[in-house]
Amino acid sequence: MLFFGAANRDPRRWEVPDRFDITRRASGHVAFGYGIHSCVGQMVARLEGEIVLEALARRIERLELSREPLRRMNNTLRGLASLPLQVT
């Protein structure tokens, strides 16, 4: 069984595997698959993410948690049921 929730969290590969690090090198992770199974739309998805984050960074001063995130419990995936944010 493949546990996607463990993907990109190998401490032998990533210095702080459970921390979101926007400066982390993208090579070596499995977000879009690998080899012949890689996502054909990954470059479009990466470009969309970059455009959204750049537009958000230009328009807001601060982004912070307003309450603790609520995790979605699942045996194979990691995710959030909610991520309450305050934007200023």
PDB file of N, CA and C in Angstrom:
ATOM      1  N   MET A   1       0.843  -1.173   0.000  1.00  0.00           N
ATOM      2  CA  MET A   1       0.000   0.000   0.000  1.00  0.00           C
ATOM      3  C   MET A   1       0.887   1.235   0.000  1.00  0.00           C
ATOM      4  N   LEU A   2       0.539   2.204  -0.800  1.00  0.00           N
ATOM      5  CA  LEU A   2       1.279   3.453  -0.896  1.00  0.00           C
ATOM      6  C   LEU A   2       0.616   4.489  -0.003  1.00  0.00           C
ATOM      7  N   PHE A   3       1.378   5.100   0.877  1.00  0.00           N
ATOM      8  CA  PHE A   3       0.864   6.141   1.761  1.00  0.00           C
ATOM      9  C   PHE A   3       1.326   7.493   1.239  1.00  0.00           C
ATOM     10  N   PHE A   4       0.443   8.187   0.524  1.00  0.00           N
ATOM     11  CA  PHE A   4       0.789   9.492  -0.028  1.00  0.00           C
ATOM     12  C   PHE A   4       1.112  10.503   1.068  1.00  0.00           C
ATOM     13  N   GLY A   5       0.537  10.311   2.246  1.00  0.00           N
ATOM     14  CA  GLY A   5       0.797  11.217   3.362  1.00  0.00           C
ATOM     15  C   GLY A   5       2.245  11.194   3.812  1.00  0.00           C
ATOM     16  N   ALA A   6       2.977  10.146   3.472  1.00  0.00           N
ATOM     17  CA  ALA A   6       4.388  10.060   3.834  1.00  0.00           C
ATOM     18  C   ALA A   6       5.291  10.645   2.750  1.00  0.00           C
ATOM     19  N   ALA A   7       4.726  10.940   1.598  1.00  0.00           N
ATOM     20  CA  ALA A   7       5.509  11.468   0.486  1.00  0.00           C
ATOM     21  C   ALA A   7       6.161  12.788   0.867  1.00  0.00           C
ATOM     22  N   ASN A   8       7.400  12.955   0.466  1.00  0.00           N
ATOM     23  CA  ASN A   8       8.169  14.174   0.700  1.00  0.00           C
ATOM     24  C   ASN A   8       8.407  14.457   2.177  1.00  0.00           C
ATOM     25  N   ARG A   9       8.324  13.444   3.018  1.00  0.00           N
ATOM     26  CA  ARG A   9       8.555  13.620   4.443  1.00  0.00           C
ATOM     27  C   ARG A   9       9.665  12.689   4.951  1.00  0.00           C
ATOM     28  N   ASP A  10      10.538  12.277   4.071  1.00  0.00           N
ATOM     29  CA  ASP A  10      11.638  11.391   4.447  1.00  0.00           C
ATOM     30  C   ASP A  10      12.766  12.223   5.049  1.00  0.00           C
ATOM     31  N   PRO A  11      13.057  12.046   6.342  1.00  0.00           N
ATOM     32  CA  PRO A  11      14.106  12.838   6.972  1.00  0.00           C
ATOM     33  C   PRO A  11      15.498  12.567   6.402  1.00  0.00           C
ATOM     34  N   ARG A  12      15.658  11.447   5.680  1.00  0.00           N
ATOM     35  CA  ARG A  12      16.950  11.191   5.029  1.00  0.00           C
ATOM     36  C   ARG A  12      17.117  12.066   3.794  1.00  0.00           C
ATOM     37  N   ARG A  13      16.011  12.543   3.238  1.00  0.00           N
ATOM     38  CA  ARG A  13      16.052  13.363   2.020  1.00  0.00           C
ATOM     39  C   ARG A  13      15.833  14.845   2.308  1.00  0.00           C
ATOM     40  N   TRP A  14      14.957  15.159   3.256  1.00  0.00           N
ATOM     41  CA  TRP A  14      14.575  16.538   3.540  1.00  0.00           C
ATOM     42  C   TRP A  14      15.038  16.920   4.941  1.00  0.00           C
ATOM     43  N   GLU A  15      15.646  18.080   5.070  1.00  0.00           N
ATOM     44  CA  GLU A  15      16.213  18.525   6.343  1.00  0.00           C
ATOM     45  C   GLU A  15      15.156  18.635   7.447  1.00  0.00           C
ATOM     46  N   VAL A  16      14.052  19.315   7.173  1.00  0.00           N
ATOM     47  CA  VAL A  16      12.942  19.426   8.130  1.00  0.00           C
ATOM     48  C   VAL A  16      11.688  18.991   7.366  1.00  0.00           C
ATOM     49  N   PRO A  17      11.433  17.692   7.281  1.00  0.00           N
ATOM     50  CA  PRO A  17      10.410  17.176   6.375  1.00  0.00           C
ATOM     51  C   PRO A  17       8.978  17.616   6.676  1.00  0.00           C
ATOM     52  N   ASP A  18       8.647  17.932   7.914  1.00  0.00           N
ATOM     53  CA  ASP A  18       7.268  18.288   8.248  1.00  0.00           C
ATOM     54  C   ASP A  18       6.998  19.791   8.215  1.00  0.00           C
ATOM     55  N   ARG A  19       7.992  20.584   7.872  1.00  0.00           N
ATOM     56  CA  ARG A  19       7.807  22.035   7.819  1.00  0.00           C
ATOM     57  C   ARG A  19       7.611  22.484   6.374  1.00  0.00           C
ATOM     58  N   PHE A  20       6.640  23.376   6.158  1.00  0.00           N
ATOM     59  CA  PHE A  20       6.462  23.951   4.832  1.00  0.00           C
ATOM     60  C   PHE A  20       7.597  24.939   4.601  1.00  0.00           C
ATOM     61  N   ASP A  21       8.358  24.719   3.551  1.00  0.00           N
ATOM     62  CA  ASP A  21       9.495  25.569   3.229  1.00  0.00           C
ATOM     63  C   ASP A  21       9.385  25.977   1.777  1.00  0.00           C
ATOM     64  N   ILE A  22       9.016  27.233   1.554  1.00  0.00           N
ATOM     65  CA  ILE A  22       8.797  27.705   0.185  1.00  0.00           C
ATOM     66  C   ILE A  22      10.105  27.742  -0.613  1.00  0.00           C
ATOM     67  N   THR A  23      11.243  27.716   0.081  1.00  0.00           N
ATOM     68  CA  THR A  23      12.530  27.741  -0.614  1.00  0.00           C
ATOM     69  C   THR A  23      13.075  26.344  -0.889  1.00  0.00           C
ATOM     70  N   ARG A  24      12.358  25.307  -0.476  1.00  0.00           N
ATOM     71  CA  ARG A  24      12.813  23.929  -0.701  1.00  0.00           C
ATOM     72  C   ARG A  24      12.920  23.648  -2.198  1.00  0.00           C
ATOM     73  N   ARG A  25      14.009  23.026  -2.588  1.00  0.00           N
ATOM     74  CA  ARG A  25      14.185  22.674  -4.005  1.00  0.00           C
ATOM     75  C   ARG A  25      13.104  21.681  -4.431  1.00  0.00           C
ATOM     76  N   ALA A  26      12.542  21.919  -5.573  1.00  0.00           N
ATOM     77  CA  ALA A  26      11.438  21.092  -6.049  1.00  0.00           C
ATOM     78  C   ALA A  26      11.887  19.727  -6.563  1.00  0.00           C
ATOM     79  N   SER A  27      13.138  19.585  -6.919  1.00  0.00           N
ATOM     80  CA  SER A  27      13.576  18.313  -7.479  1.00  0.00           C
ATOM     81  C   SER A  27      13.562  17.215  -6.419  1.00  0.00           C
ATOM     82  N   GLY A  28      13.090  16.063  -6.801  1.00  0.00           N
ATOM     83  CA  GLY A  28      13.100  14.921  -5.907  1.00  0.00           C
ATOM     84  C   GLY A  28      11.814  14.660  -5.163  1.00  0.00           C
ATOM     85  N   HIS A  29      10.852  15.571  -5.229  1.00  0.00           N
ATOM     86  CA  HIS A  29       9.597  15.299  -4.535  1.00  0.00           C
ATOM     87  C   HIS A  29       8.633  14.575  -5.470  1.00  0.00           C
ATOM     88  N   VAL A  30       7.550  14.053  -4.932  1.00  0.00           N
ATOM     89  CA  VAL A  30       6.647  13.229  -5.737  1.00  0.00           C
ATOM     90  C   VAL A  30       5.256  13.838  -5.906  1.00  0.00           C
ATOM     91  N   ALA A  31       5.136  15.147  -5.744  1.00  0.00           N
ATOM     92  CA  ALA A  31       3.829  15.788  -5.832  1.00  0.00           C
ATOM     93  C   ALA A  31       3.159  15.559  -7.185  1.00  0.00           C
ATOM     94  N   PHE A  32       3.927  15.511  -8.258  1.00  0.00           N
ATOM     95  CA  PHE A  32       3.356  15.336  -9.587  1.00  0.00           C
ATOM     96  C   PHE A  32       3.755  14.006 -10.213  1.00  0.00           C
ATOM     97  N   GLY A  33       4.092  13.042  -9.401  1.00  0.00           N
ATOM     98  CA  GLY A  33       4.489  11.744  -9.920  1.00  0.00           C
ATOM     99  C   GLY A  33       5.949  11.744 -10.313  1.00  0.00           C
ATOM    100  N   TYR A  34       6.351  10.677 -10.988  1.00  0.00           N
ATOM    101  CA  TYR A  34       7.761  10.526 -11.334  1.00  0.00           C
ATOM    102  C   TYR A  34       7.895   9.681 -12.595  1.00  0.00           C
ATOM    103  N   GLY A  35       8.869  10.017 -13.408  1.00  0.00           N
ATOM    104  CA  GLY A  35       9.155   9.227 -14.606  1.00  0.00           C
ATOM    105  C   GLY A  35       7.984   9.188 -15.570  1.00  0.00           C
ATOM    106  N   ILE A  36       7.685   7.989 -16.093  1.00  0.00           N
ATOM    107  CA  ILE A  36       6.608   7.875 -17.078  1.00  0.00           C
ATOM    108  C   ILE A  36       5.231   8.121 -16.451  1.00  0.00           C
ATOM    109  N   HIS A  37       5.171   8.132 -15.125  1.00  0.00           N
ATOM    110  CA  HIS A  37       3.906   8.366 -14.439  1.00  0.00           C
ATOM    111  C   HIS A  37       3.764   9.820 -13.992  1.00  0.00           C
ATOM    112  N   SER A  38       4.621  10.699 -14.459  1.00  0.00           N
ATOM    113  CA  SER A  38       4.533  12.095 -14.042  1.00  0.00           C
ATOM    114  C   SER A  38       3.354  12.781 -14.724  1.00  0.00           C
ATOM    115  N   CYS A  39       2.832  13.777 -14.041  1.00  0.00           N
ATOM    116  CA  CYS A  39       1.659  14.512 -14.514  1.00  0.00           C
ATOM    117  C   CYS A  39       2.024  15.375 -15.722  1.00  0.00           C
ATOM    118  N   VAL A  40       1.286  15.229 -16.815  1.00  0.00           N
ATOM    119  CA  VAL A  40       1.594  16.005 -18.018  1.00  0.00           C
ATOM    120  C   VAL A  40       1.238  17.480 -17.839  1.00  0.00           C
ATOM    121  N   GLY A  41       0.385  17.791 -16.882  1.00  0.00           N
ATOM    122  CA  GLY A  41      -0.010  19.175 -16.643  1.00  0.00           C
ATOM    123  C   GLY A  41       0.746  19.856 -15.523  1.00  0.00           C
ATOM    124  N   GLN A  42       1.833  19.237 -15.057  1.00  0.00           N
ATOM    125  CA  GLN A  42       2.511  19.799 -13.894  1.00  0.00           C
ATOM    126  C   GLN A  42       3.086  21.186 -14.137  1.00  0.00           C
ATOM    127  N   MET A  43       3.556  21.487 -15.315  1.00  0.00           N
ATOM    128  CA  MET A  43       4.118  22.821 -15.575  1.00  0.00           C
ATOM    129  C   MET A  43       3.017  23.884 -15.529  1.00  0.00           C
ATOM    130  N   VAL A  44       1.835  23.544 -16.030  1.00  0.00           N
ATOM    131  CA  VAL A  44       0.704  24.477 -15.953  1.00  0.00           C
ATOM    132  C   VAL A  44       0.310  24.688 -14.491  1.00  0.00           C
ATOM    133  N   ALA A  45       0.248  23.623 -13.718  1.00  0.00           N
ATOM    134  CA  ALA A  45      -0.099  23.724 -12.301  1.00  0.00           C
ATOM    135  C   ALA A  45       0.933  24.546 -11.540  1.00  0.00           C
ATOM    136  N   ARG A  46       2.203  24.354 -11.829  1.00  0.00           N
ATOM    137  CA  ARG A  46       3.254  25.134 -11.173  1.00  0.00           C
ATOM    138  C   ARG A  46       3.138  26.611 -11.537  1.00  0.00           C
ATOM    139  N   LEU A  47       2.874  26.899 -12.806  1.00  0.00           N
ATOM    140  CA  LEU A  47       2.724  28.282 -13.249  1.00  0.00           C
ATOM    141  C   LEU A  47       1.511  28.931 -12.592  1.00  0.00           C
ATOM    142  N   GLU A  48       0.398  28.205 -12.512  1.00  0.00           N
ATOM    143  CA  GLU A  48      -0.790  28.737 -11.843  1.00  0.00           C
ATOM    144  C   GLU A  48      -0.503  29.066 -10.379  1.00  0.00           C
ATOM    145  N   GLY A  49       0.185  28.159  -9.693  1.00  0.00           N
ATOM    146  CA  GLY A  49       0.540  28.393  -8.301  1.00  0.00           C
ATOM    147  C   GLY A  49       1.436  29.610  -8.142  1.00  0.00           C
ATOM    148  N   GLU A  50       2.408  29.742  -9.013  1.00  0.00           N
ATOM    149  CA  GLU A  50       3.312  30.887  -8.960  1.00  0.00           C
ATOM    150  C   GLU A  50       2.571  32.201  -9.185  1.00  0.00           C
ATOM    151  N   ILE A  51       1.671  32.221 -10.164  1.00  0.00           N
ATOM    152  CA  ILE A  51       0.899  33.430 -10.457  1.00  0.00           C
ATOM    153  C   ILE A  51       0.018  33.818  -9.273  1.00  0.00           C
ATOM    154  N   VAL A  52      -0.672  32.855  -8.690  1.00  0.00           N
ATOM    155  CA  VAL A  52      -1.552  33.128  -7.548  1.00  0.00           C
ATOM    156  C   VAL A  52      -0.755  33.643  -6.356  1.00  0.00           C
ATOM    157  N   LEU A  53       0.355  32.986  -6.038  1.00  0.00           N
ATOM    158  CA  LEU A  53       1.149  33.405  -4.879  1.00  0.00           C
ATOM    159  C   LEU A  53       1.779  34.783  -5.083  1.00  0.00           C
ATOM    160  N   GLU A  54       2.236  35.082  -6.290  1.00  0.00           N
ATOM    161  CA  GLU A  54       2.802  36.407  -6.561  1.00  0.00           C
ATOM    162  C   GLU A  54       1.734  37.487  -6.451  1.00  0.00           C
ATOM    163  N   ALA A  55       0.540  37.233  -6.988  1.00  0.00           N
ATOM    164  CA  ALA A  55      -0.553  38.212  -6.902  1.00  0.00           C
ATOM    165  C   ALA A  55      -0.970  38.424  -5.451  1.00  0.00           C
ATOM    166  N   LEU A  56      -1.034  37.353  -4.686  1.00  0.00           N
ATOM    167  CA  LEU A  56      -1.384  37.448  -3.273  1.00  0.00           C
ATOM    168  C   LEU A  56      -0.321  38.243  -2.512  1.00  0.00           C
ATOM    169  N   ALA A  57       0.935  37.982  -2.771  1.00  0.00           N
ATOM    170  CA  ALA A  57       2.033  38.680  -2.079  1.00  0.00           C
ATOM    171  C   ALA A  57       2.030  40.175  -2.376  1.00  0.00           C
ATOM    172  N   ARG A  58       1.615  40.579  -3.570  1.00  0.00           N
ATOM    173  CA  ARG A  58       1.568  42.004  -3.918  1.00  0.00           C
ATOM    174  C   ARG A  58       0.405  42.718  -3.232  1.00  0.00           C
ATOM    175  N   ARG A  59      -0.654  41.990  -2.906  1.00  0.00           N
ATOM    176  CA  ARG A  59      -1.876  42.627  -2.425  1.00  0.00           C
ATOM    177  C   ARG A  59      -2.087  42.584  -0.914  1.00  0.00           C
ATOM    178  N   ILE A  60      -1.374  41.735  -0.242  1.00  0.00           N
ATOM    179  CA  ILE A  60      -1.601  41.638   1.200  1.00  0.00           C
ATOM    180  C   ILE A  60      -0.342  42.012   1.970  1.00  0.00           C
ATOM    181  N   GLU A  61      -0.552  42.493   3.180  1.00  0.00           N
ATOM    182  CA  GLU A  61       0.574  42.846   4.036  1.00  0.00           C
ATOM    183  C   GLU A  61       0.980  41.666   4.909  1.00  0.00           C
ATOM    184  N   ARG A  62      -0.033  40.955   5.390  1.00  0.00           N
ATOM    185  CA  ARG A  62       0.235  39.882   6.345  1.00  0.00           C
ATOM    186  C   ARG A  62      -0.812  38.785   6.219  1.00  0.00           C
ATOM    187  N   LEU A  63      -0.386  37.559   6.390  1.00  0.00           N
ATOM    188  CA  LEU A  63      -1.258  36.386   6.368  1.00  0.00           C
ATOM    189  C   LEU A  63      -0.883  35.545   7.579  1.00  0.00           C
ATOM    190  N   GLU A  64      -1.842  35.325   8.486  1.00  0.00           N
ATOM    191  CA  GLU A  64      -1.538  34.553   9.691  1.00  0.00           C
ATOM    192  C   GLU A  64      -2.725  33.706  10.102  1.00  0.00           C
ATOM    193  N   LEU A  65      -2.439  32.684  10.872  1.00  0.00           N
ATOM    194  CA  LEU A  65      -3.494  31.802  11.376  1.00  0.00           C
ATOM    195  C   LEU A  65      -4.378  32.564  12.344  1.00  0.00           C
ATOM    196  N   SER A  66      -5.693  32.429  12.206  1.00  0.00           N
ATOM    197  CA  SER A  66      -6.603  33.043  13.168  1.00  0.00           C
ATOM    198  C   SER A  66      -7.018  32.036  14.240  1.00  0.00           C
ATOM    199  N   ARG A  67      -6.979  30.757  13.894  1.00  0.00           N
ATOM    200  CA  ARG A  67      -7.219  29.658  14.846  1.00  0.00           C
ATOM    201  C   ARG A  67      -6.368  28.484  14.390  1.00  0.00           C
ATOM    202  N   GLU A  68      -6.338  27.460  15.212  1.00  0.00           N
ATOM    203  CA  GLU A  68      -5.587  26.262  14.847  1.00  0.00           C
ATOM    204  C   GLU A  68      -6.251  25.569  13.646  1.00  0.00           C
ATOM    205  N   PRO A  69      -5.460  25.076  12.721  1.00  0.00           N
ATOM    206  CA  PRO A  69      -6.028  24.328  11.587  1.00  0.00           C
ATOM    207  C   PRO A  69      -6.689  23.043  12.080  1.00  0.00           C
ATOM    208  N   LEU A  70      -7.703  22.607  11.374  1.00  0.00           N
ATOM    209  CA  LEU A  70      -8.384  21.362  11.690  1.00  0.00           C
ATOM    210  C   LEU A  70      -7.942  20.314  10.670  1.00  0.00           C
ATOM    211  N   ARG A  71      -7.259  19.293  11.139  1.00  0.00           N
ATOM    212  CA  ARG A  71      -6.756  18.249  10.247  1.00  0.00           C
ATOM    213  C   ARG A  71      -7.871  17.304   9.821  1.00  0.00           C
ATOM    214  N   ARG A  72      -7.768  16.831   8.604  1.00  0.00           N
ATOM    215  CA  ARG A  72      -8.693  15.822   8.093  1.00  0.00           C
ATOM    216  C   ARG A  72      -8.016  14.478   8.302  1.00  0.00           C
ATOM    217  N   MET A  73      -8.633  13.638   9.071  1.00  0.00           N
ATOM    218  CA  MET A  73      -8.036  12.346   9.381  1.00  0.00           C
ATOM    219  C   MET A  73      -8.268  11.368   8.224  1.00  0.00           C
ATOM    220  N   ASN A  74      -7.187  10.721   7.801  1.00  0.00           N
ATOM    221  CA  ASN A  74      -7.242   9.781   6.703  1.00  0.00           C
ATOM    222  C   ASN A  74      -6.037   8.862   6.845  1.00  0.00           C
ATOM    223  N   ASN A  75      -6.195   7.606   6.526  1.00  0.00           N
ATOM    224  CA  ASN A  75      -5.099   6.652   6.678  1.00  0.00           C
ATOM    225  C   ASN A  75      -3.980   6.824   5.650  1.00  0.00           C
ATOM    226  N   THR A  76      -4.286   7.389   4.502  1.00  0.00           N
ATOM    227  CA  THR A  76      -3.268   7.438   3.458  1.00  0.00           C
ATOM    228  C   THR A  76      -2.869   8.848   3.037  1.00  0.00           C
ATOM    229  N   LEU A  77      -3.651   9.849   3.350  1.00  0.00           N
ATOM    230  CA  LEU A  77      -3.355  11.216   2.912  1.00  0.00           C
ATOM    231  C   LEU A  77      -3.235  12.153   4.099  1.00  0.00           C
ATOM    232  N   ARG A  78      -2.505  13.245   3.917  1.00  0.00           N
ATOM    233  CA  ARG A  78      -2.471  14.328   4.897  1.00  0.00           C
ATOM    234  C   ARG A  78      -3.254  15.477   4.298  1.00  0.00           C
ATOM    235  N   GLY A  79      -4.060  16.122   5.119  1.00  0.00           N
ATOM    236  CA  GLY A  79      -4.828  17.246   4.604  1.00  0.00           C
ATOM    237  C   GLY A  79      -5.495  18.011   5.725  1.00  0.00           C
ATOM    238  N   LEU A  80      -6.102  19.107   5.357  1.00  0.00           N
ATOM    239  CA  LEU A  80      -6.791  19.956   6.314  1.00  0.00           C
ATOM    240  C   LEU A  80      -8.264  20.032   5.977  1.00  0.00           C
ATOM    241  N   ALA A  81      -9.089  19.979   7.001  1.00  0.00           N
ATOM    242  CA  ALA A  81     -10.525  20.212   6.833  1.00  0.00           C
ATOM    243  C   ALA A  81     -10.782  21.717   6.791  1.00  0.00           C
ATOM    244  N   SER A  82      -9.980  22.473   7.554  1.00  0.00           N
ATOM    245  CA  SER A  82     -10.078  23.935   7.510  1.00  0.00           C
ATOM    246  C   SER A  82      -8.739  24.554   7.874  1.00  0.00           C
ATOM    247  N   LEU A  83      -8.496  25.734   7.314  1.00  0.00           N
ATOM    248  CA  LEU A  83      -7.299  26.496   7.590  1.00  0.00           C
ATOM    249  C   LEU A  83      -7.712  27.957   7.762  1.00  0.00           C
ATOM    250  N   PRO A  84      -8.132  28.318   8.990  1.00  0.00           N
ATOM    251  CA  PRO A  84      -8.631  29.679   9.219  1.00  0.00           C
ATOM    252  C   PRO A  84      -7.496  30.704   9.202  1.00  0.00           C
ATOM    253  N   LEU A  85      -7.575  31.644   8.268  1.00  0.00           N
ATOM    254  CA  LEU A  85      -6.531  32.639   8.094  1.00  0.00           C
ATOM    255  C   LEU A  85      -7.086  34.045   8.264  1.00  0.00           C
ATOM    256  N   GLN A  86      -6.230  34.932   8.735  1.00  0.00           N
ATOM    257  CA  GLN A  86      -6.560  36.351   8.809  1.00  0.00           C
ATOM    258  C   GLN A  86      -5.655  37.071   7.834  1.00  0.00           C
ATOM    259  N   VAL A  87      -6.259  37.855   6.944  1.00  0.00           N
ATOM    260  CA  VAL A  87      -5.518  38.558   5.916  1.00  0.00           C
ATOM    261  C   VAL A  87      -5.576  40.056   6.217  1.00  0.00           C
ATOM    262  N   THR A  88      -4.407  40.703   6.231  1.00  0.00           N
ATOM    263  CA  THR A  88      -4.370  42.157   6.403  1.00  0.00           C
ATOM    264  C   THR A  88      -3.576  42.780   5.284  1.00  0.00           C
TER     265      THR A  88
END
